[in-house]
């Protein structure tokens, strides 16, 4: 019983660590244009995936 509990705790910690490594960021832009003929709303969404890679070298 103790071995099963330890294995479950270890698996939980591992899965939380893996999930935390895949951070995602998103940006949403909403634009509304009013005209005499009516109103138009445009929404654009962009998702940025982050990775643990090193940043590119600085430009000289």
PDB file of N, CA and C in Angstrom:
ATOM      1  N   UNK A   1       0.830  -1.193   0.000  1.00  0.00           N
ATOM      2  CA  UNK A   1       0.000   0.000   0.000  1.00  0.00           C
ATOM      3  C   UNK A   1       0.872   1.253   0.000  1.00  0.00           C
ATOM      4  N   UNK A   2       1.941   1.207   0.781  1.00  0.00           N
ATOM      5  CA  UNK A   2       2.831   2.357   0.873  1.00  0.00           C
ATOM      6  C   UNK A   2       3.544   2.590  -0.458  1.00  0.00           C
ATOM      7  N   UNK A   3       3.907   1.531  -1.156  1.00  0.00           N
ATOM      8  CA  UNK A   3       4.572   1.658  -2.453  1.00  0.00           C
ATOM      9  C   UNK A   3       3.649   2.292  -3.490  1.00  0.00           C
ATOM     10  N   UNK A   4       2.389   1.897  -3.473  1.00  0.00           N
ATOM     11  CA  UNK A   4       1.422   2.450  -4.417  1.00  0.00           C
ATOM     12  C   UNK A   4       1.235   3.945  -4.158  1.00  0.00           C
ATOM     13  N   UNK A   5       1.145   4.328  -2.905  1.00  0.00           N
ATOM     14  CA  UNK A   5       0.977   5.735  -2.552  1.00  0.00           C
ATOM     15  C   UNK A   5       2.200   6.553  -2.988  1.00  0.00           C
ATOM     16  N   UNK A   6       3.381   6.037  -2.759  1.00  0.00           N
ATOM     17  CA  UNK A   6       4.603   6.735  -3.177  1.00  0.00           C
ATOM     18  C   UNK A   6       4.673   6.862  -4.698  1.00  0.00           C
ATOM     19  N   UNK A   7       4.278   5.815  -5.405  1.00  0.00           N
ATOM     20  CA  UNK A   7       4.285   5.857  -6.863  1.00  0.00           C
ATOM     21  C   UNK A   7       3.284   6.884  -7.382  1.00  0.00           C
ATOM     22  N   UNK A   8       2.131   6.976  -6.755  1.00  0.00           N
ATOM     23  CA  UNK A   8       1.119   7.945  -7.168  1.00  0.00           C
ATOM     24  C   UNK A   8       1.600   9.378  -6.926  1.00  0.00           C
ATOM     25  N   UNK A   9       2.234   9.616  -5.794  1.00  0.00           N
ATOM     26  CA  UNK A   9       2.751  10.951  -5.489  1.00  0.00           C
ATOM     27  C   UNK A   9       3.851  11.326  -6.486  1.00  0.00           C
ATOM     28  N   UNK A  10       4.741  10.394  -6.782  1.00  0.00           N
ATOM     29  CA  UNK A  10       5.816  10.652  -7.736  1.00  0.00           C
ATOM     30  C   UNK A  10       5.250  10.949  -9.131  1.00  0.00           C
ATOM     31  N   UNK A  11       4.249  10.204  -9.545  1.00  0.00           N
ATOM     32  CA  UNK A  11       3.632  10.430 -10.850  1.00  0.00           C
ATOM     33  C   UNK A  11       2.932  11.792 -10.900  1.00  0.00           C
ATOM     34  N   UNK A  12       2.309  12.195  -9.804  1.00  0.00           N
ATOM     35  CA  UNK A  12       1.640  13.496  -9.747  1.00  0.00           C
ATOM     36  C   UNK A  12       2.646  14.630  -9.863  1.00  0.00           C
ATOM     37  N   UNK A  13       3.754  14.534  -9.141  1.00  0.00           N
ATOM     38  CA  UNK A  13       4.780  15.578  -9.184  1.00  0.00           C
ATOM     39  C   UNK A  13       5.383  15.656 -10.587  1.00  0.00           C
ATOM     40  N   UNK A  14       5.611  14.529 -11.206  1.00  0.00           N
ATOM     41  CA  UNK A  14       6.176  14.500 -12.555  1.00  0.00           C
ATOM     42  C   UNK A  14       5.215  15.133 -13.559  1.00  0.00           C
ATOM     43  N   UNK A  15       3.946  14.814 -13.471  1.00  0.00           N
ATOM     44  CA  UNK A  15       2.978  15.365 -14.424  1.00  0.00           C
ATOM     45  C   UNK A  15       2.800  16.870 -14.228  1.00  0.00           C
ATOM     46  N   UNK A  16       2.848  17.341 -13.004  1.00  0.00           N
ATOM     47  CA  UNK A  16       2.750  18.782 -12.753  1.00  0.00           C
ATOM     48  C   UNK A  16       3.977  19.484 -13.324  1.00  0.00           C
ATOM     49  N   UNK A  17       5.146  18.879 -13.186  1.00  0.00           N
ATOM     50  CA  UNK A  17       6.366  19.460 -13.748  1.00  0.00           C
ATOM     51  C   UNK A  17       6.328  19.542 -15.254  1.00  0.00           C
ATOM     52  N   UNK A  18       5.791  18.533 -15.894  1.00  0.00           N
ATOM     53  CA  UNK A  18       5.709  18.524 -17.361  1.00  0.00           C
ATOM     54  C   UNK A  18       4.706  19.563 -17.841  1.00  0.00           C
ATOM     55  N   UNK A  19       3.593  19.680 -17.167  1.00  0.00           N
ATOM     56  CA  UNK A  19       2.569  20.648 -17.563  1.00  0.00           C
ATOM     57  C   UNK A  19       3.093  22.067 -17.403  1.00  0.00           C
ATOM     58  N   UNK A  20       3.868  22.335 -16.370  1.00  0.00           N
ATOM     59  CA  UNK A  20       4.395  23.668 -16.129  1.00  0.00           C
ATOM     60  C   UNK A  20       5.407  24.102 -17.166  1.00  0.00           C
ATOM     61  N   UNK A  21       6.017  23.186 -17.876  1.00  0.00           N
ATOM     62  CA  UNK A  21       7.035  23.529 -18.867  1.00  0.00           C
ATOM     63  C   UNK A  21       6.447  24.058 -20.168  1.00  0.00           C
ATOM     64  N   UNK A  22       5.200  23.834 -20.406  1.00  0.00           N
ATOM     65  CA  UNK A  22       4.593  24.273 -21.664  1.00  0.00           C
ATOM     66  C   UNK A  22       3.751  25.524 -21.434  1.00  0.00           C
ATOM     67  N   UNK A  23       4.415  26.633 -21.141  1.00  0.00           N
ATOM     68  CA  UNK A  23       3.722  27.885 -20.899  1.00  0.00           C
ATOM     69  C   UNK A  23       3.260  28.471 -22.226  1.00  0.00           C
ATOM     70  N   UNK A  24       2.071  29.032 -22.208  1.00  0.00           N
ATOM     71  CA  UNK A  24       1.525  29.658 -23.401  1.00  0.00           C
ATOM     72  C   UNK A  24       1.037  31.050 -23.027  1.00  0.00           C
ATOM     73  N   UNK A  25       1.186  31.954 -23.954  1.00  0.00           N
ATOM     74  CA  UNK A  25       0.737  33.315 -23.772  1.00  0.00           C
ATOM     75  C   UNK A  25      -0.128  33.682 -24.960  1.00  0.00           C
ATOM     76  N   UNK A  26      -1.167  34.438 -24.717  1.00  0.00           N
ATOM     77  CA  UNK A  26      -2.018  34.832 -25.831  1.00  0.00           C
ATOM     78  C   UNK A  26      -2.339  36.319 -25.735  1.00  0.00           C
ATOM     79  N   UNK A  27      -2.579  36.902 -26.862  1.00  0.00           N
ATOM     80  CA  UNK A  27      -2.952  38.309 -26.945  1.00  0.00           C
ATOM     81  C   UNK A  27      -4.199  38.423 -27.805  1.00  0.00           C
ATOM     82  N   UNK A  28      -5.151  39.209 -27.337  1.00  0.00           N
ATOM     83  CA  UNK A  28      -6.391  39.400 -28.061  1.00  0.00           C
ATOM     84  C   UNK A  28      -6.580  40.886 -28.332  1.00  0.00           C
ATOM     85  N   UNK A  29      -6.927  41.220 -29.565  1.00  0.00           N
ATOM     86  CA  UNK A  29      -7.140  42.607 -29.953  1.00  0.00           C
ATOM     87  C   UNK A  29      -8.550  42.736 -30.514  1.00  0.00           C
ATOM     88  N   UNK A  30      -9.307  43.671 -29.959  1.00  0.00           N
ATOM     89  CA  UNK A  30     -10.687  43.879 -30.398  1.00  0.00           C
ATOM     90  C   UNK A  30     -10.785  45.290 -30.972  1.00  0.00           C
ATOM     91  N   UNK A  31     -11.256  45.386 -32.202  1.00  0.00           N
ATOM     92  CA  UNK A  31     -11.364  46.665 -32.891  1.00  0.00           C
ATOM     93  C   UNK A  31     -12.816  46.869 -33.311  1.00  0.00           C
ATOM     94  N   UNK A  32     -13.363  48.039 -32.967  1.00  0.00           N
ATOM     95  CA  UNK A  32     -14.729  48.359 -33.350  1.00  0.00           C
ATOM     96  C   UNK A  32     -14.705  49.599 -34.236  1.00  0.00           C
ATOM     97  N   UNK A  33     -15.361  49.510 -35.391  1.00  0.00           N
ATOM     98  CA  UNK A  33     -15.426  50.618 -36.342  1.00  0.00           C
ATOM     99  C   UNK A  33     -16.885  51.001 -36.511  1.00  0.00           C
ATOM    100  N   UNK A  34     -17.173  52.288 -36.248  1.00  0.00           N
ATOM    101  CA  UNK A  34     -18.538  52.792 -36.418  1.00  0.00           C
ATOM    102  C   UNK A  34     -18.636  53.586 -37.708  1.00  0.00           C
ATOM    103  N   UNK A  35     -19.641  53.270 -38.496  1.00  0.00           N
ATOM    104  CA  UNK A  35     -19.897  53.977 -39.747  1.00  0.00           C
ATOM    105  C   UNK A  35     -21.367  54.355 -39.780  1.00  0.00           C
ATOM    106  N   UNK A  36     -21.748  55.224 -40.697  1.00  0.00           N
ATOM    107  CA  UNK A  36     -23.174  55.563 -40.799  1.00  0.00           C
ATOM    108  C   UNK A  36     -24.043  54.342 -41.110  1.00  0.00           C
ATOM    109  N   UNK A  37     -23.473  53.343 -41.768  1.00  0.00           N
ATOM    110  CA  UNK A  37     -24.237  52.157 -42.144  1.00  0.00           C
ATOM    111  C   UNK A  37     -24.341  51.126 -41.033  1.00  0.00           C
ATOM    112  N   UNK A  38     -23.590  51.308 -39.947  1.00  0.00           N
ATOM    113  CA  UNK A  38     -23.635  50.345 -38.850  1.00  0.00           C
ATOM    114  C   UNK A  38     -22.297  50.270 -38.130  1.00  0.00           C
ATOM    115  N   UNK A  39     -22.145  49.246 -37.352  1.00  0.00           N
ATOM    116  CA  UNK A  39     -20.936  49.077 -36.543  1.00  0.00           C
ATOM    117  C   UNK A  39     -20.344  47.702 -36.813  1.00  0.00           C
ATOM    118  N   UNK A  40     -19.020  47.648 -36.971  1.00  0.00           N
ATOM    119  CA  UNK A  40     -18.332  46.395 -37.254  1.00  0.00           C
ATOM    120  C   UNK A  40     -17.297  46.151 -36.164  1.00  0.00           C
ATOM    121  N   UNK A  41     -17.306  44.960 -35.606  1.00  0.00           N
ATOM    122  CA  UNK A  41     -16.335  44.586 -34.583  1.00  0.00           C
ATOM    123  C   UNK A  41     -15.477  43.452 -35.110  1.00  0.00           C
ATOM    124  N   UNK A  42     -14.160  43.633 -35.006  1.00  0.00           N
ATOM    125  CA  UNK A  42     -13.209  42.614 -35.443  1.00  0.00           C
ATOM    126  C   UNK A  42     -12.365  42.204 -34.250  1.00  0.00           C
ATOM    127  N   UNK A  43     -12.256  40.905 -34.020  1.00  0.00           N
ATOM    128  CA  UNK A  43     -11.451  40.380 -32.923  1.00  0.00           C
ATOM    129  C   UNK A  43     -10.380  39.466 -33.499  1.00  0.00           C
ATOM    130  N   UNK A  44      -9.118  39.726 -33.131  1.00  0.00           N
ATOM    131  CA  UNK A  44      -8.035  38.854 -33.573  1.00  0.00           C
ATOM    132  C   UNK A  44      -7.295  38.342 -32.348  1.00  0.00           C
ATOM    133  N   UNK A  45      -6.979  37.067 -32.355  1.00  0.00           N
ATOM    134  CA  UNK A  45      -6.305  36.426 -31.233  1.00  0.00           C
ATOM    135  C   UNK A  45      -5.027  35.760 -31.725  1.00  0.00           C
ATOM    136  N   UNK A  46      -3.939  35.984 -30.987  1.00  0.00           N
ATOM    137  CA  UNK A  46      -2.648  35.409 -31.332  1.00  0.00           C
ATOM    138  C   UNK A  46      -2.120  34.646 -30.134  1.00  0.00           C
ATOM    139  N   UNK A  47      -1.670  33.419 -30.363  1.00  0.00           N
ATOM    140  CA  UNK A  47      -1.123  32.596 -29.283  1.00  0.00           C
ATOM    141  C   UNK A  47       0.378  32.443 -29.482  1.00  0.00           C
ATOM    142  N   UNK A  48       1.128  32.724 -28.418  1.00  0.00           N
ATOM    143  CA  UNK A  48       2.578  32.632 -28.461  1.00  0.00           C
ATOM    144  C   UNK A  48       2.997  31.495 -27.554  1.00  0.00           C
ATOM    145  N   UNK A  49       3.743  30.545 -28.105  1.00  0.00           N
ATOM    146  CA  UNK A  49       4.227  29.419 -27.308  1.00  0.00           C
ATOM    147  C   UNK A  49       5.647  29.722 -26.858  1.00  0.00           C
ATOM    148  N   UNK A  50       5.887  29.545 -25.578  1.00  0.00           N
ATOM    149  CA  UNK A  50       7.215  29.786 -25.032  1.00  0.00           C
ATOM    150  C   UNK A  50       7.918  28.448 -24.831  1.00  0.00           C
ATOM    151  N   UNK A  51       9.207  28.444 -25.033  1.00  0.00           N
ATOM    152  CA  UNK A  51       9.972  27.236 -24.780  1.00  0.00           C
ATOM    153  C   UNK A  51      11.162  27.592 -23.905  1.00  0.00           C
ATOM    154  N   UNK A  52      11.860  26.625 -23.439  1.00  0.00           N
ATOM    155  CA  UNK A  52      13.002  26.843 -22.586  1.00  0.00           C
ATOM    156  C   UNK A  52      14.281  27.105 -23.348  1.00  0.00           C
ATOM    157  N   UNK A  53      14.187  27.357 -24.660  1.00  0.00           N
ATOM    158  CA  UNK A  53      15.372  27.607 -25.468  1.00  0.00           C
ATOM    159  C   UNK A  53      16.028  28.918 -25.066  1.00  0.00           C
ATOM    160  N   UNK A  54      17.311  29.001 -25.294  1.00  0.00           N
ATOM    161  CA  UNK A  54      18.040  30.234 -25.014  1.00  0.00           C
ATOM    162  C   UNK A  54      17.649  31.304 -26.023  1.00  0.00           C
ATOM    163  N   UNK A  55      17.697  32.585 -25.606  1.00  0.00           N
ATOM    164  CA  UNK A  55      17.372  33.643 -26.553  1.00  0.00           C
ATOM    165  C   UNK A  55      18.439  33.759 -27.624  1.00  0.00           C
ATOM    166  N   UNK A  56      18.123  34.356 -28.758  1.00  0.00           N
ATOM    167  CA  UNK A  56      19.134  34.511 -29.813  1.00  0.00           C
ATOM    168  C   UNK A  56      20.236  35.467 -29.349  1.00  0.00           C
ATOM    169  N   UNK A  57      21.405  35.377 -29.952  1.00  0.00           N
ATOM    170  CA  UNK A  57      22.503  36.261 -29.545  1.00  0.00           C
ATOM    171  C   UNK A  57      22.187  37.717 -29.853  1.00  0.00           C
ATOM    172  N   UNK A  58      22.742  38.613 -29.067  1.00  0.00           N
ATOM    173  CA  UNK A  58      22.513  40.037 -29.248  1.00  0.00           C
ATOM    174  C   UNK A  58      23.124  40.518 -30.555  1.00  0.00           C
ATOM    175  N   UNK A  59      22.469  41.442 -31.213  1.00  0.00           N
ATOM    176  CA  UNK A  59      22.967  41.992 -32.482  1.00  0.00           C
ATOM    177  C   UNK A  59      23.982  43.082 -32.169  1.00  0.00           C
ATOM    178  N   UNK A  60      25.010  43.161 -32.984  1.00  0.00           N
ATOM    179  CA  UNK A  60      26.067  44.156 -32.771  1.00  0.00           C
ATOM    180  C   UNK A  60      25.835  45.370 -33.597  1.00  0.00           C
TER     181      UNK A  60
END
